[in-house]
Amino acid sequence: MAETARKLDVNEAEAKTKALAAAVSAARADQRGVPHAKMRDWLLKVASGDVSILRVWHGAQERS
């Protein structure tokens, strides 16, 4: 029985690894992503009170 449990653990770990690899691949292929540094700059501008950047973002959302 322990051997069966071990096989299940290996299969589960392998399935998780494959699922994670597929998710990472899909995320990298999605062109809608924003690089971390660009998002950080945007958030810092919003936090400092620059609301003009929000209008640009809102307009982009309406077009998509």
PDB file of N, CA and C in Angstrom:
ATOM      1  N   MET A   1       0.821  -1.199   0.000  1.00  0.00           N
ATOM      2  CA  MET A   1       0.000   0.000   0.000  1.00  0.00           C
ATOM      3  C   MET A   1       0.866   1.265   0.000  1.00  0.00           C
ATOM      4  N   ALA A   2       1.982   1.198   0.716  1.00  0.00           N
ATOM      5  CA  ALA A   2       2.875   2.355   0.755  1.00  0.00           C
ATOM      6  C   ALA A   2       3.426   2.651  -0.634  1.00  0.00           C
ATOM      7  N   GLU A   3       3.664   1.581  -1.395  1.00  0.00           N
ATOM      8  CA  GLU A   3       4.179   1.769  -2.751  1.00  0.00           C
ATOM      9  C   GLU A   3       3.151   2.463  -3.640  1.00  0.00           C
ATOM     10  N   THR A   4       1.879   2.120  -3.478  1.00  0.00           N
ATOM     11  CA  THR A   4       0.806   2.765  -4.239  1.00  0.00           C
ATOM     12  C   THR A   4       0.722   4.245  -3.883  1.00  0.00           C
ATOM     13  N   ALA A   5       0.829   4.537  -2.587  1.00  0.00           N
ATOM     14  CA  ALA A   5       0.790   5.933  -2.139  1.00  0.00           C
ATOM     15  C   ALA A   5       1.963   6.707  -2.725  1.00  0.00           C
ATOM     16  N   ARG A   6       3.131   6.064  -2.769  1.00  0.00           N
ATOM     17  CA  ARG A   6       4.315   6.720  -3.323  1.00  0.00           C
ATOM     18  C   ARG A   6       4.115   7.026  -4.808  1.00  0.00           C
ATOM     19  N   LYS A   7       3.521   6.096  -5.545  1.00  0.00           N
ATOM     20  CA  LYS A   7       3.253   6.316  -6.968  1.00  0.00           C
ATOM     21  C   LYS A   7       2.277   7.468  -7.167  1.00  0.00           C
ATOM     22  N   LEU A   8       1.267   7.533  -6.303  1.00  0.00           N
ATOM     23  CA  LEU A   8       0.306   8.631  -6.400  1.00  0.00           C
ATOM     24  C   LEU A   8       0.984   9.963  -6.126  1.00  0.00           C
ATOM     25  N   ASP A   9       1.875   9.999  -5.125  1.00  0.00           N
ATOM     26  CA  ASP A   9       2.598  11.234  -4.809  1.00  0.00           C
ATOM     27  C   ASP A   9       3.446  11.689  -5.992  1.00  0.00           C
ATOM     28  N   VAL A  10       4.123  10.744  -6.639  1.00  0.00           N
ATOM     29  CA  VAL A  10       4.962  11.077  -7.790  1.00  0.00           C
ATOM     30  C   VAL A  10       4.092  11.585  -8.932  1.00  0.00           C
ATOM     31  N   ASN A  11       2.993  10.899  -9.208  1.00  0.00           N
ATOM     32  CA  ASN A  11       2.097  11.327 -10.284  1.00  0.00           C
ATOM     33  C   ASN A  11       1.500  12.694  -9.988  1.00  0.00           C
ATOM     34  N   GLU A  12       1.133  12.928  -8.728  1.00  0.00           N
ATOM     35  CA  GLU A  12       0.556  14.222  -8.357  1.00  0.00           C
ATOM     36  C   GLU A  12       1.588  15.337  -8.509  1.00  0.00           C
ATOM     37  N   ALA A  13       2.808  15.081  -8.068  1.00  0.00           N
ATOM     38  CA  ALA A  13       3.870  16.080  -8.192  1.00  0.00           C
ATOM     39  C   ALA A  13       4.158  16.373  -9.661  1.00  0.00           C
ATOM     40  N   GLU A  14       4.178  15.321 -10.470  1.00  0.00           N
ATOM     41  CA  GLU A  14       4.419  15.501 -11.902  1.00  0.00           C
ATOM     42  C   GLU A  14       3.287  16.296 -12.548  1.00  0.00           C
ATOM     43  N   ALA A  15       2.061  16.014 -12.152  1.00  0.00           N
ATOM     44  CA  ALA A  15       0.907  16.738 -12.695  1.00  0.00           C
ATOM     45  C   ALA A  15       0.958  18.210 -12.295  1.00  0.00           C
ATOM     46  N   LYS A  16       1.340  18.476 -11.047  1.00  0.00           N
ATOM     47  CA  LYS A  16       1.444  19.867 -10.587  1.00  0.00           C
ATOM     48  C   LYS A  16       2.529  20.610 -11.364  1.00  0.00           C
ATOM     49  N   THR A  17       3.649  19.943 -11.584  1.00  0.00           N
ATOM     50  CA  THR A  17       4.744  20.564 -12.333  1.00  0.00           C
ATOM     51  C   THR A  17       4.316  20.891 -13.757  1.00  0.00           C
ATOM     52  N   LYS A  18       3.631  19.957 -14.393  1.00  0.00           N
ATOM     53  CA  LYS A  18       3.156  20.191 -15.761  1.00  0.00           C
ATOM     54  C   LYS A  18       2.124  21.314 -15.804  1.00  0.00           C
ATOM     55  N   ALA A  19       1.225  21.348 -14.817  1.00  0.00           N
ATOM     56  CA  ALA A  19       0.204  22.398 -14.777  1.00  0.00           C
ATOM     57  C   ALA A  19       0.847  23.767 -14.573  1.00  0.00           C
ATOM     58  N   LEU A  20       1.843  23.832 -13.701  1.00  0.00           N
ATOM     59  CA  LEU A  20       2.537  25.097 -13.459  1.00  0.00           C
ATOM     60  C   LEU A  20       3.276  25.556 -14.712  1.00  0.00           C
ATOM     61  N   ALA A  21       3.942  24.636 -15.382  1.00  0.00           N
ATOM     62  CA  ALA A  21       4.656  24.983 -16.614  1.00  0.00           C
ATOM     63  C   ALA A  21       3.688  25.492 -17.678  1.00  0.00           C
ATOM     64  N   ALA A  22       2.525  24.861 -17.778  1.00  0.00           N
ATOM     65  CA  ALA A  22       1.522  25.305 -18.758  1.00  0.00           C
ATOM     66  C   ALA A  22       1.000  26.695 -18.410  1.00  0.00           C
ATOM     67  N   ALA A  23       0.778  26.955 -17.121  1.00  0.00           N
ATOM     68  CA  ALA A  23       0.276  28.264 -16.694  1.00  0.00           C
ATOM     69  C   ALA A  23       1.306  29.359 -16.962  1.00  0.00           C
ATOM     70  N   VAL A  24       2.558  29.083 -16.672  1.00  0.00           N
ATOM     71  CA  VAL A  24       3.622  30.064 -16.917  1.00  0.00           C
ATOM     72  C   VAL A  24       3.745  30.339 -18.410  1.00  0.00           C
ATOM     73  N   SER A  25       3.678  29.299 -19.205  1.00  0.00           N
ATOM     74  CA  SER A  25       3.760  29.459 -20.659  1.00  0.00           C
ATOM     75  C   SER A  25       2.608  30.306 -21.190  1.00  0.00           C
ATOM     76  N   ALA A  26       1.402  30.039 -20.694  1.00  0.00           N
ATOM     77  CA  ALA A  26       0.233  30.813 -21.130  1.00  0.00           C
ATOM     78  C   ALA A  26       0.359  32.274 -20.709  1.00  0.00           C
ATOM     79  N   ALA A  27       0.851  32.510 -19.499  1.00  0.00           N
ATOM     80  CA  ALA A  27       1.003  33.883 -19.014  1.00  0.00           C
ATOM     81  C   ALA A  27       2.032  34.645 -19.841  1.00  0.00           C
ATOM     82  N   ARG A  28       3.118  33.983 -20.191  1.00  0.00           N
ATOM     83  CA  ARG A  28       4.154  34.647 -20.993  1.00  0.00           C
ATOM     84  C   ARG A  28       3.687  34.926 -22.412  1.00  0.00           C
ATOM     85  N   ALA A  29       2.798  34.108 -22.929  1.00  0.00           N
ATOM     86  CA  ALA A  29       2.291  34.289 -24.292  1.00  0.00           C
ATOM     87  C   ALA A  29       1.217  35.371 -24.370  1.00  0.00           C
ATOM     88  N   ASP A  30       0.631  35.734 -23.239  1.00  0.00           N
ATOM     89  CA  ASP A  30      -0.441  36.729 -23.205  1.00  0.00           C
ATOM     90  C   ASP A  30       0.155  38.125 -23.377  1.00  0.00           C
ATOM     91  N   GLN A  31      -0.155  38.781 -24.480  1.00  0.00           N
ATOM     92  CA  GLN A  31       0.413  40.092 -24.796  1.00  0.00           C
ATOM     93  C   GLN A  31      -0.211  41.224 -23.984  1.00  0.00           C
ATOM     94  N   ARG A  32      -1.242  40.922 -23.204  1.00  0.00           N
ATOM     95  CA  ARG A  32      -1.882  41.964 -22.401  1.00  0.00           C
ATOM     96  C   ARG A  32      -1.106  42.252 -21.125  1.00  0.00           C
ATOM     97  N   GLY A  33      -0.075  41.496 -20.848  1.00  0.00           N
ATOM     98  CA  GLY A  33       0.692  41.655 -19.622  1.00  0.00           C
ATOM     99  C   GLY A  33       1.451  42.973 -19.578  1.00  0.00           C
ATOM    100  N   VAL A  34       1.772  43.401 -18.376  1.00  0.00           N
ATOM    101  CA  VAL A  34       2.533  44.631 -18.170  1.00  0.00           C
ATOM    102  C   VAL A  34       3.762  44.269 -17.337  1.00  0.00           C
ATOM    103  N   PRO A  35       4.945  44.687 -17.768  1.00  0.00           N
ATOM    104  CA  PRO A  35       6.144  44.399 -16.976  1.00  0.00           C
ATOM    105  C   PRO A  35       6.036  45.004 -15.577  1.00  0.00           C
ATOM    106  N   HIS A  36       6.630  44.332 -14.606  1.00  0.00           N
ATOM    107  CA  HIS A  36       6.556  44.769 -13.216  1.00  0.00           C
ATOM    108  C   HIS A  36       7.037  46.210 -13.043  1.00  0.00           C
ATOM    109  N   ALA A  37       8.149  46.553 -13.648  1.00  0.00           N
ATOM    110  CA  ALA A  37       8.706  47.904 -13.484  1.00  0.00           C
ATOM    111  C   ALA A  37       7.748  48.970 -14.008  1.00  0.00           C
ATOM    112  N   LYS A  38       7.092  48.693 -15.124  1.00  0.00           N
ATOM    113  CA  LYS A  38       6.150  49.656 -15.694  1.00  0.00           C
ATOM    114  C   LYS A  38       4.931  49.825 -14.780  1.00  0.00           C
ATOM    115  N   MET A  39       4.433  48.715 -14.241  1.00  0.00           N
ATOM    116  CA  MET A  39       3.294  48.782 -13.328  1.00  0.00           C
ATOM    117  C   MET A  39       3.672  49.521 -12.052  1.00  0.00           C
ATOM    118  N   ARG A  40       4.879  49.284 -11.560  1.00  0.00           N
ATOM    119  CA  ARG A  40       5.340  49.964 -10.346  1.00  0.00           C
ATOM    120  C   ARG A  40       5.389  51.473 -10.567  1.00  0.00           C
ATOM    121  N   ASP A  41       5.937  51.903 -11.696  1.00  0.00           N
ATOM    122  CA  ASP A  41       5.988  53.335 -12.015  1.00  0.00           C
ATOM    123  C   ASP A  41       4.585  53.926 -12.069  1.00  0.00           C
ATOM    124  N   TRP A  42       3.663  53.204 -12.701  1.00  0.00           N
ATOM    125  CA  TRP A  42       2.277  53.661 -12.826  1.00  0.00           C
ATOM    126  C   TRP A  42       1.644  53.809 -11.447  1.00  0.00           C
ATOM    127  N   LEU A  43       1.832  52.807 -10.591  1.00  0.00           N
ATOM    128  CA  LEU A  43       1.249  52.859  -9.251  1.00  0.00           C
ATOM    129  C   LEU A  43       1.852  53.988  -8.418  1.00  0.00           C
ATOM    130  N   LEU A  44       3.146  54.229  -8.564  1.00  0.00           N
ATOM    131  CA  LEU A  44       3.778  55.332  -7.834  1.00  0.00           C
ATOM    132  C   LEU A  44       3.221  56.677  -8.279  1.00  0.00           C
ATOM    133  N   LYS A  45       2.951  56.832  -9.569  1.00  0.00           N
ATOM    134  CA  LYS A  45       2.355  58.080 -10.065  1.00  0.00           C
ATOM    135  C   LYS A  45       0.954  58.265  -9.492  1.00  0.00           C
ATOM    136  N   VAL A  46       0.170  57.202  -9.477  1.00  0.00           N
ATOM    137  CA  VAL A  46      -1.182  57.280  -8.914  1.00  0.00           C
ATOM    138  C   VAL A  46      -1.104  57.619  -7.429  1.00  0.00           C
ATOM    139  N   ALA A  47      -0.197  56.968  -6.707  1.00  0.00           N
ATOM    140  CA  ALA A  47      -0.053  57.210  -5.270  1.00  0.00           C
ATOM    141  C   ALA A  47       0.385  58.637  -4.970  1.00  0.00           C
ATOM    142  N   SER A  48       1.137  59.241  -5.889  1.00  0.00           N
ATOM    143  CA  SER A  48       1.601  60.613  -5.668  1.00  0.00           C
ATOM    144  C   SER A  48       0.546  61.649  -6.039  1.00  0.00           C
ATOM    145  N   GLY A  49      -0.594  61.181  -6.569  1.00  0.00           N
ATOM    146  CA  GLY A  49      -1.680  62.102  -6.869  1.00  0.00           C
ATOM    147  C   GLY A  49      -1.844  62.438  -8.337  1.00  0.00           C
ATOM    148  N   ASP A  50      -1.090  61.816  -9.206  1.00  0.00           N
ATOM    149  CA  ASP A  50      -1.201  62.074 -10.646  1.00  0.00           C
ATOM    150  C   ASP A  50      -2.432  61.350 -11.189  1.00  0.00           C
ATOM    151  N   VAL A  51      -3.561  62.058 -11.243  1.00  0.00           N
ATOM    152  CA  VAL A  51      -4.803  61.432 -11.706  1.00  0.00           C
ATOM    153  C   VAL A  51      -4.926  61.440 -13.225  1.00  0.00           C
ATOM    154  N   SER A  52      -4.079  62.207 -13.915  1.00  0.00           N
ATOM    155  CA  SER A  52      -4.156  62.218 -15.378  1.00  0.00           C
ATOM    156  C   SER A  52      -3.849  60.828 -15.939  1.00  0.00           C
ATOM    157  N   ILE A  53      -3.011  60.097 -15.264  1.00  0.00           N
ATOM    158  CA  ILE A  53      -2.672  58.744 -15.718  1.00  0.00           C
ATOM    159  C   ILE A  53      -3.892  57.827 -15.636  1.00  0.00           C
ATOM    160  N   LEU A  54      -4.800  58.096 -14.712  1.00  0.00           N
ATOM    161  CA  LEU A  54      -6.016  57.283 -14.588  1.00  0.00           C
ATOM    162  C   LEU A  54      -6.938  57.507 -15.779  1.00  0.00           C
ATOM    163  N   ARG A  55      -6.996  58.717 -16.262  1.00  0.00           N
ATOM    164  CA  ARG A  55      -7.853  59.004 -17.416  1.00  0.00           C
ATOM    165  C   ARG A  55      -7.356  58.259 -18.652  1.00  0.00           C
ATOM    166  N   VAL A  56      -6.055  58.195 -18.828  1.00  0.00           N
ATOM    167  CA  VAL A  56      -5.472  57.470 -19.959  1.00  0.00           C
ATOM    168  C   VAL A  56      -5.823  55.998 -19.846  1.00  0.00           C
ATOM    169  N   TRP A  57      -5.693  55.430 -18.664  1.00  0.00           N
ATOM    170  CA  TRP A  57      -5.993  54.014 -18.459  1.00  0.00           C
ATOM    171  C   TRP A  57      -7.473  53.741 -18.696  1.00  0.00           C
ATOM    172  N   HIS A  58      -8.323  54.599 -18.185  1.00  0.00           N
ATOM    173  CA  HIS A  58      -9.765  54.404 -18.334  1.00  0.00           C
ATOM    174  C   HIS A  58     -10.156  54.449 -19.813  1.00  0.00           C
ATOM    175  N   GLY A  59      -9.578  55.356 -20.561  1.00  0.00           N
ATOM    176  CA  GLY A  59      -9.869  55.445 -21.987  1.00  0.00           C
ATOM    177  C   GLY A  59      -9.432  54.196 -22.733  1.00  0.00           C
ATOM    178  N   ALA A  60      -8.308  53.634 -22.340  1.00  0.00           N
ATOM    179  CA  ALA A  60      -7.832  52.402 -22.976  1.00  0.00           C
ATOM    180  C   ALA A  60      -8.781  51.253 -22.678  1.00  0.00           C
ATOM    181  N   GLN A  61      -9.357  51.232 -21.494  1.00  0.00           N
ATOM    182  CA  GLN A  61     -10.289  50.170 -21.126  1.00  0.00           C
ATOM    183  C   GLN A  61     -11.572  50.259 -21.940  1.00  0.00           C
ATOM    184  N   GLU A  62     -12.013  51.467 -22.232  1.00  0.00           N
ATOM    185  CA  GLU A  62     -13.251  51.639 -23.001  1.00  0.00           C
ATOM    186  C   GLU A  62     -13.082  51.152 -24.438  1.00  0.00           C
ATOM    187  N   ARG A  63     -11.872  51.281 -25.001  1.00  0.00           N
ATOM    188  CA  ARG A  63     -11.629  50.867 -26.381  1.00  0.00           C
ATOM    189  C   ARG A  63     -11.504  49.361 -26.529  1.00  0.00           C
ATOM    190  N   SER A  64     -11.115  48.669 -25.461  1.00  0.00           N
ATOM    191  CA  SER A  64     -10.895  47.223 -25.596  1.00  0.00           C
ATOM    192  C   SER A  64     -12.156  46.420 -25.424  1.00  0.00           C
TER     193      SER A  64
END
